[in-house]
PDB file of N, CA and C in Angstrom:
ATOM      1  N   UNK A   1      21.299 219.825 145.062  1.00  0.00           N
ATOM      2  CA  UNK A   1      22.697 219.779 144.713  1.00  0.00           C
ATOM      3  C   UNK A   1      23.053 221.068 143.953  1.00  0.00           C
ATOM      4  N   UNK A   2      24.005 221.806 144.476  1.00  0.00           N
ATOM      5  CA  UNK A   2      24.378 223.080 143.887  1.00  0.00           C
ATOM      6  C   UNK A   2      25.632 222.887 143.032  1.00  0.00           C
ATOM      7  N   UNK A   3      25.579 223.399 141.814  1.00  0.00           N
ATOM      8  CA  UNK A   3      26.721 223.292 140.906  1.00  0.00           C
ATOM      9  C   UNK A   3      27.428 224.633 140.869  1.00  0.00           C
ATOM     10  N   UNK A   4      28.725 224.588 141.104  1.00  0.00           N
ATOM     11  CA  UNK A   4      29.507 225.813 141.069  1.00  0.00           C
ATOM     12  C   UNK A   4      29.836 226.117 139.603  1.00  0.00           C
ATOM     13  N   UNK A   5      29.233 227.174 139.071  1.00  0.00           N
ATOM     14  CA  UNK A   5      29.399 227.490 137.662  1.00  0.00           C
ATOM     15  C   UNK A   5      30.814 227.944 137.331  1.00  0.00           C
ATOM     16  N   UNK A   6      31.483 228.541 138.290  1.00  0.00           N
ATOM     17  CA  UNK A   6      32.857 228.988 138.044  1.00  0.00           C
ATOM     18  C   UNK A   6      33.769 227.795 137.824  1.00  0.00           C
ATOM     19  N   UNK A   7      33.600 226.749 138.629  1.00  0.00           N
ATOM     20  CA  UNK A   7      34.427 225.552 138.481  1.00  0.00           C
ATOM     21  C   UNK A   7      34.136 224.883 137.143  1.00  0.00           C
ATOM     22  N   UNK A   8      32.867 224.825 136.764  1.00  0.00           N
ATOM     23  CA  UNK A   8      32.508 224.232 135.477  1.00  0.00           C
ATOM     24  C   UNK A   8      33.100 225.045 134.325  1.00  0.00           C
ATOM     25  N   UNK A   9      33.057 226.356 134.425  1.00  0.00           N
ATOM     26  CA  UNK A   9      33.624 227.202 133.382  1.00  0.00           C
ATOM     27  C   UNK A   9      35.130 226.988 133.270  1.00  0.00           C
ATOM     28  N   UNK A  10      35.809 226.862 134.402  1.00  0.00           N
ATOM     29  CA  UNK A  10      37.253 226.615 134.378  1.00  0.00           C
ATOM     30  C   UNK A  10      37.569 225.259 133.757  1.00  0.00           C
ATOM     31  N   UNK A  11      36.725 224.257 134.039  1.00  0.00           N
ATOM     32  CA  UNK A  11      36.936 222.936 133.438  1.00  0.00           C
ATOM     33  C   UNK A  11      36.836 223.011 131.916  1.00  0.00           C
ATOM     34  N   UNK A  12      35.792 223.698 131.435  1.00  0.00           N
ATOM     35  CA  UNK A  12      35.631 223.819 129.987  1.00  0.00           C
ATOM     36  C   UNK A  12      36.760 224.629 129.359  1.00  0.00           C
ATOM     37  N   UNK A  13      37.230 225.650 130.058  1.00  0.00           N
ATOM     38  CA  UNK A  13      38.314 226.460 129.536  1.00  0.00           C
ATOM     39  C   UNK A  13      39.589 225.633 129.412  1.00  0.00           C
ATOM     40  N   UNK A  14      39.905 224.865 130.452  1.00  0.00           N
ATOM     41  CA  UNK A  14      41.116 224.035 130.414  1.00  0.00           C
ATOM     42  C   UNK A  14      40.990 222.966 129.336  1.00  0.00           C
ATOM     43  N   UNK A  15      39.822 222.366 129.215  1.00  0.00           N
ATOM     44  CA  UNK A  15      39.610 221.359 128.180  1.00  0.00           C
ATOM     45  C   UNK A  15      39.777 221.965 126.786  1.00  0.00           C
ATOM     46  N   UNK A  16      39.167 223.115 126.550  1.00  0.00           N
ATOM     47  CA  UNK A  16      39.268 223.753 125.240  1.00  0.00           C
ATOM     48  C   UNK A  16      40.678 224.176 124.912  1.00  0.00           C
ATOM     49  N   UNK A  17      41.365 224.768 125.869  1.00  0.00           N
ATOM     50  CA  UNK A  17      42.746 225.200 125.621  1.00  0.00           C
ATOM     51  C   UNK A  17      43.659 224.003 125.417  1.00  0.00           C
ATOM     52  N   UNK A  18      43.405 222.930 126.134  1.00  0.00           N
ATOM     53  CA  UNK A  18      44.199 221.713 125.951  1.00  0.00           C
ATOM     54  C   UNK A  18      44.031 221.135 124.561  1.00  0.00           C
ATOM     55  N   UNK A  19      42.800 221.144 124.071  1.00  0.00           N
ATOM     56  CA  UNK A  19      42.556 220.634 122.718  1.00  0.00           C
ATOM     57  C   UNK A  19      43.251 221.510 121.681  1.00  0.00           C
ATOM     58  N   UNK A  20      43.197 222.812 121.859  1.00  0.00           N
ATOM     59  CA  UNK A  20      43.839 223.732 120.906  1.00  0.00           C
ATOM     60  C   UNK A  20      45.346 223.544 120.915  1.00  0.00           C
ATOM     61  N   UNK A  21      45.945 223.446 122.093  1.00  0.00           N
ATOM     62  CA  UNK A  21      47.405 223.264 122.183  1.00  0.00           C
ATOM     63  C   UNK A  21      47.808 221.940 121.553  1.00  0.00           C
ATOM     64  N   UNK A  22      47.030 220.896 121.807  1.00  0.00           N
ATOM     65  CA  UNK A  22      47.327 219.592 121.221  1.00  0.00           C
ATOM     66  C   UNK A  22      47.234 219.655 119.698  1.00  0.00           C
ATOM     67  N   UNK A  23      46.189 220.286 119.191  1.00  0.00           N
ATOM     68  CA  UNK A  23      46.033 220.408 117.737  1.00  0.00           C
ATOM     69  C   UNK A  23      47.195 221.178 117.123  1.00  0.00           C
ATOM     70  N   UNK A  24      47.582 222.296 117.735  1.00  0.00           N
ATOM     71  CA  UNK A  24      48.678 223.100 117.181  1.00  0.00           C
ATOM     72  C   UNK A  24      50.000 222.342 117.219  1.00  0.00           C
ATOM     73  N   UNK A  25      50.235 221.575 118.271  1.00  0.00           N
ATOM     74  CA  UNK A  25      51.460 220.782 118.364  1.00  0.00           C
ATOM     75  C   UNK A  25      51.500 219.727 117.269  1.00  0.00           C
ATOM     76  N   UNK A  26      50.395 219.033 117.072  1.00  0.00           N
ATOM     77  CA  UNK A  26      50.329 218.022 116.016  1.00  0.00           C
ATOM     78  C   UNK A  26      50.519 218.674 114.656  1.00  0.00           C
ATOM     79  N   UNK A  27      49.928 219.852 114.453  1.00  0.00           N
ATOM     80  CA  UNK A  27      50.053 220.542 113.182  1.00  0.00           C
ATOM     81  C   UNK A  27      51.496 220.948 112.905  1.00  0.00           C
ATOM     82  N   UNK A  28      52.207 221.428 113.926  1.00  0.00           N
ATOM     83  CA  UNK A  28      53.608 221.829 113.740  1.00  0.00           C
ATOM     84  C   UNK A  28      54.452 220.633 113.315  1.00  0.00           C
ATOM     85  N   UNK A  29      54.285 219.502 113.997  1.00  0.00           N
ATOM     86  CA  UNK A  29      55.065 218.322 113.636  1.00  0.00           C
ATOM     87  C   UNK A  29      54.670 217.782 112.270  1.00  0.00           C
ATOM     88  N   UNK A  30      53.399 217.856 111.919  1.00  0.00           N
ATOM     89  CA  UNK A  30      52.957 217.402 110.595  1.00  0.00           C
ATOM     90  C   UNK A  30      53.574 218.279 109.506  1.00  0.00           C
ATOM     91  N   UNK A  31      53.628 219.599 109.727  1.00  0.00           N
ATOM     92  CA  UNK A  31      54.219 220.485 108.727  1.00  0.00           C
ATOM     93  C   UNK A  31      55.730 220.274 108.605  1.00  0.00           C
ATOM     94  N   UNK A  32      56.386 219.996 109.721  1.00  0.00           N
ATOM     95  CA  UNK A  32      57.828 219.705 109.652  1.00  0.00           C
ATOM     96  C   UNK A  32      58.078 218.428 108.862  1.00  0.00           C
ATOM     97  N   UNK A  33      57.250 217.412 109.103  1.00  0.00           N
ATOM     98  CA  UNK A  33      57.373 216.146 108.382  1.00  0.00           C
ATOM     99  C   UNK A  33      57.113 216.364 106.892  1.00  0.00           C
ATOM    100  N   UNK A  34      56.101 217.161 106.578  1.00  0.00           N
ATOM    101  CA  UNK A  34      55.775 217.459 105.192  1.00  0.00           C
ATOM    102  C   UNK A  34      56.929 218.198 104.509  1.00  0.00           C
ATOM    103  N   UNK A  35      57.545 219.118 105.220  1.00  0.00           N
ATOM    104  CA  UNK A  35      58.672 219.863 104.645  1.00  0.00           C
ATOM    105  C   UNK A  35      59.841 218.934 104.343  1.00  0.00           C
ATOM    106  N   UNK A  36      60.086 217.968 105.224  1.00  0.00           N
ATOM    107  CA  UNK A  36      61.164 217.007 104.977  1.00  0.00           C
ATOM    108  C   UNK A  36      60.864 216.152 103.761  1.00  0.00           C
ATOM    109  N   UNK A  37      59.610 215.704 103.637  1.00  0.00           N
ATOM    110  CA  UNK A  37      59.243 214.889 102.483  1.00  0.00           C
ATOM    111  C   UNK A  37      59.376 215.671 101.187  1.00  0.00           C
ATOM    112  N   UNK A  38      58.899 216.899 101.182  1.00  0.00           N
ATOM    113  CA  UNK A  38      58.982 217.710  99.969  1.00  0.00           C
ATOM    114  C   UNK A  38      60.437 217.999  99.629  1.00  0.00           C
ATOM    115  N   UNK A  39      61.250 218.274 100.637  1.00  0.00           N
ATOM    116  CA  UNK A  39      62.675 218.515 100.393  1.00  0.00           C
ATOM    117  C   UNK A  39      63.384 217.294  99.858  1.00  0.00           C
ATOM    118  N   UNK A  40      62.932 216.113 100.262  1.00  0.00           N
ATOM    119  CA  UNK A  40      63.572 214.877  99.810  1.00  0.00           C
ATOM    120  C   UNK A  40      63.196 214.551  98.370  1.00  0.00           C
ATOM    121  N   UNK A  41      61.911 214.653  98.038  1.00  0.00           N
ATOM    122  CA  UNK A  41      61.452 214.235  96.715  1.00  0.00           C
ATOM    123  C   UNK A  41      61.433 215.362  95.683  1.00  0.00           C
ATOM    124  N   UNK A  42      61.438 216.616  96.133  1.00  0.00           N
ATOM    125  CA  UNK A  42      61.442 217.755  95.222  1.00  0.00           C
ATOM    126  C   UNK A  42      62.503 218.745  95.671  1.00  0.00           C
ATOM    127  N   UNK A  43      63.780 218.406  95.503  1.00  0.00           N
ATOM    128  CA  UNK A  43      64.840 219.314  95.976  1.00  0.00           C
ATOM    129  C   UNK A  43      64.883 220.591  95.126  1.00  0.00           C
ATOM    130  N   UNK A  44      65.454 221.644  95.725  1.00  0.00           N
ATOM    131  CA  UNK A  44      65.621 222.902  95.006  1.00  0.00           C
ATOM    132  C   UNK A  44      66.614 222.705  93.876  1.00  0.00           C
ATOM    133  N   UNK A  45      66.339 223.372  92.773  1.00  0.00           N
ATOM    134  CA  UNK A  45      67.266 223.295  91.657  1.00  0.00           C
ATOM    135  C   UNK A  45      68.510 224.099  91.996  1.00  0.00           C
ATOM    136  N   UNK A  46      69.640 223.560  91.665  1.00  0.00           N
ATOM    137  CA  UNK A  46      70.900 224.258  91.914  1.00  0.00           C
ATOM    138  C   UNK A  46      71.104 225.289  90.815  1.00  0.00           C
ATOM    139  N   UNK A  47      71.206 226.525  91.206  1.00  0.00           N
ATOM    140  CA  UNK A  47      71.431 227.599  90.234  1.00  0.00           C
ATOM    141  C   UNK A  47      72.737 228.295  90.578  1.00  0.00           C
ATOM    142  N   UNK A  48      73.324 228.876  89.561  1.00  0.00           N
ATOM    143  CA  UNK A  48      74.552 229.632  89.782  1.00  0.00           C
ATOM    144  C   UNK A  48      74.208 230.918  90.517  1.00  0.00           C
ATOM    145  N   UNK A  49      75.036 231.297  91.476  1.00  0.00           N
ATOM    146  CA  UNK A  49      74.762 232.560  92.164  1.00  0.00           C
ATOM    147  C   UNK A  49      74.878 233.723  91.188  1.00  0.00           C
ATOM    148  N   UNK A  50      74.079 234.729  91.438  1.00  0.00           N
ATOM    149  CA  UNK A  50      74.085 235.895  90.561  1.00  0.00           C
ATOM    150  C   UNK A  50      75.403 236.632  90.740  1.00  0.00           C
ATOM    151  N   UNK A  51      76.053 236.859  89.628  1.00  0.00           N
ATOM    152  CA  UNK A  51      77.337 237.547  89.677  1.00  0.00           C
ATOM    153  C   UNK A  51      77.090 239.050  89.672  1.00  0.00           C
ATOM    154  N   UNK A  52      77.762 239.774  90.552  1.00  0.00           N
ATOM    155  CA  UNK A  52      77.565 241.230  90.565  1.00  0.00           C
ATOM    156  C   UNK A  52      78.136 241.861  89.309  1.00  0.00           C
ATOM    157  N   UNK A  53      77.546 242.966  88.920  1.00  0.00           N
ATOM    158  CA  UNK A  53      78.018 243.669  87.736  1.00  0.00           C
ATOM    159  C   UNK A  53      79.395 244.265  88.016  1.00  0.00           C
ATOM    160  N   UNK A  54      80.181 244.361  86.962  1.00  0.00           N
ATOM    161  CA  UNK A  54      81.531 244.889  87.142  1.00  0.00           C
ATOM    162  C   UNK A  54      81.530 246.392  87.386  1.00  0.00           C
ATOM    163  N   UNK A  55      80.484 247.076  86.918  1.00  0.00           N
ATOM    164  CA  UNK A  55      80.434 248.524  87.086  1.00  0.00           C
ATOM    165  C   UNK A  55      79.550 248.863  88.285  1.00  0.00           C
ATOM    166  N   UNK A  56      80.032 248.574  89.461  1.00  0.00           N
ATOM    167  CA  UNK A  56      79.261 248.802  90.681  1.00  0.00           C
ATOM    168  C   UNK A  56      79.083 250.290  90.958  1.00  0.00           C
ATOM    169  N   UNK A  57      80.033 251.106  90.536  1.00  0.00           N
ATOM    170  CA  UNK A  57      79.922 252.541  90.811  1.00  0.00           C
ATOM    171  C   UNK A  57      78.778 253.163  90.028  1.00  0.00           C
ATOM    172  N   UNK A  58      78.543 252.735  88.784  1.00  0.00           N
ATOM    173  CA  UNK A  58      77.434 253.300  88.016  1.00  0.00           C
ATOM    174  C   UNK A  58      76.107 252.825  88.597  1.00  0.00           C
ATOM    175  N   UNK A  59      76.078 251.620  89.148  1.00  0.00           N
ATOM    176  CA  UNK A  59      74.873 251.118  89.793  1.00  0.00           C
ATOM    177  C   UNK A  59      74.540 251.984  91.007  1.00  0.00           C
ATOM    178  N   UNK A  60      75.551 252.331  91.786  1.00  0.00           N
ATOM    179  CA  UNK A  60      75.344 253.190  92.949  1.00  0.00           C
ATOM    180  C   UNK A  60      74.886 254.575  92.507  1.00  0.00           C
ATOM    181  N   UNK A  61      75.464 255.080  91.453  1.00  0.00           N
ATOM    182  CA  UNK A  61      75.084 256.387  90.925  1.00  0.00           C
ATOM    183  C   UNK A  61      73.630 256.377  90.475  1.00  0.00           C
ATOM    184  N   UNK A  62      73.203 255.283  89.831  1.00  0.00           N
ATOM    185  CA  UNK A  62      71.813 255.175  89.391  1.00  0.00           C
ATOM    186  C   UNK A  62      70.861 255.151  90.588  1.00  0.00           C
ATOM    187  N   UNK A  63      71.242 254.483  91.654  1.00  0.00           N
ATOM    188  CA  UNK A  63      70.398 254.429  92.850  1.00  0.00           C
ATOM    189  C   UNK A  63      70.276 255.811  93.485  1.00  0.00           C
ATOM    190  N   UNK A  64      71.392 256.535  93.567  1.00  0.00           N
ATOM    191  CA  UNK A  64      71.366 257.884  94.148  1.00  0.00           C
ATOM    192  C   UNK A  64      70.490 258.799  93.297  1.00  0.00           C
ATOM    193  N   UNK A  65      70.594 258.696  91.994  1.00  0.00           N
ATOM    194  CA  UNK A  65      69.779 259.526  91.108  1.00  0.00           C
ATOM    195  C   UNK A  65      68.300 259.214  91.278  1.00  0.00           C
ATOM    196  N   UNK A  66      67.968 257.951  91.448  1.00  0.00           N
ATOM    197  CA  UNK A  66      66.567 257.564  91.633  1.00  0.00           C
ATOM    198  C   UNK A  66      66.020 258.114  92.948  1.00  0.00           C
ATOM    199  N   UNK A  67      66.821 258.071  94.000  1.00  0.00           N
ATOM    200  CA  UNK A  67      66.385 258.595  95.294  1.00  0.00           C
ATOM    201  C   UNK A  67      66.183 260.105  95.213  1.00  0.00           C
ATOM    202  N   UNK A  68      67.105 260.806  94.594  1.00  0.00           N
ATOM    203  CA  UNK A  68      66.984 262.263  94.461  1.00  0.00           C
ATOM    204  C   UNK A  68      65.739 262.612  93.663  1.00  0.00           C
ATOM    205  N   UNK A  69      65.475 261.891  92.580  1.00  0.00           N
ATOM    206  CA  UNK A  69      64.289 262.155  91.763  1.00  0.00           C
ATOM    207  C   UNK A  69      63.007 261.883  92.557  1.00  0.00           C
ATOM    208  N   UNK A  70      63.005 260.832  93.360  1.00  0.00           N
ATOM    209  CA  UNK A  70      61.821 260.516  94.160  1.00  0.00           C
ATOM    210  C   UNK A  70      61.565 261.598  95.200  1.00  0.00           C
ATOM    211  N   UNK A  71      62.614 262.098  95.827  1.00  0.00           N
ATOM    212  CA  UNK A  71      62.446 263.161  96.830  1.00  0.00           C
ATOM    213  C   UNK A  71      61.939 264.433  96.169  1.00  0.00           C
ATOM    214  N   UNK A  72      62.481 264.796  95.027  1.00  0.00           N
ATOM    215  CA  UNK A  72      62.026 265.995  94.332  1.00  0.00           C
ATOM    216  C   UNK A  72      60.567 265.858  93.908  1.00  0.00           C
ATOM    217  N   UNK A  73      60.186 264.673  93.423  1.00  0.00           N
ATOM    218  CA  UNK A  73      58.800 264.438  93.026  1.00  0.00           C
ATOM    219  C   UNK A  73      57.872 264.567  94.222  1.00  0.00           C
ATOM    220  N   UNK A  74      58.291 264.030  95.344  1.00  0.00           N
ATOM    221  CA  UNK A  74      57.477 264.103  96.569  1.00  0.00           C
ATOM    222  C   UNK A  74      57.307 265.552  97.024  1.00  0.00           C
ATOM    223  N   UNK A  75      58.385 266.341  96.958  1.00  0.00           N
ATOM    224  CA  UNK A  75      58.295 267.755  97.340  1.00  0.00           C
ATOM    225  C   UNK A  75      57.379 268.515  96.392  1.00  0.00           C
ATOM    226  N   UNK A  76      57.408 268.192  95.107  1.00  0.00           N
ATOM    227  CA  UNK A  76      56.550 268.852  94.130  1.00  0.00           C
ATOM    228  C   UNK A  76      55.076 268.507  94.368  1.00  0.00           C
ATOM    229  N   UNK A  77      54.788 267.327  94.829  1.00  0.00           N
ATOM    230  CA  UNK A  77      53.401 266.933  95.093  1.00  0.00           C
ATOM    231  C   UNK A  77      52.834 267.672  96.286  1.00  0.00           C
ATOM    232  N   UNK A  78      53.669 267.994  97.270  1.00  0.00           N
ATOM    233  CA  UNK A  78      53.198 268.674  98.469  1.00  0.00           C
ATOM    234  C   UNK A  78      52.837 270.133  98.170  1.00  0.00           C
ATOM    235  N   UNK A  79      53.395 270.704  97.174  1.00  0.00           N
ATOM    236  CA  UNK A  79      53.034 272.046  96.796  1.00  0.00           C
ATOM    237  C   UNK A  79      54.044 273.011  97.231  1.00  0.00           C
TER     238      UNK A  79
END
């Protein structure tokens, strides 16, 4: 009786891939269920949204100054 090794290899491959797909599917649904439970019993704390500073122009100026300083520092490091 001759056994075709290619057919046996394909059987094992399909079996292994099927088990992996099944495990991953179960894991995805388990994590979704866990997320719902955690959201139900441990909800996020309600916080006030961060209010932007009234002096937005000085904030922009500070960012531009930081970028210019970083570029100059980088050029100085290169020699």
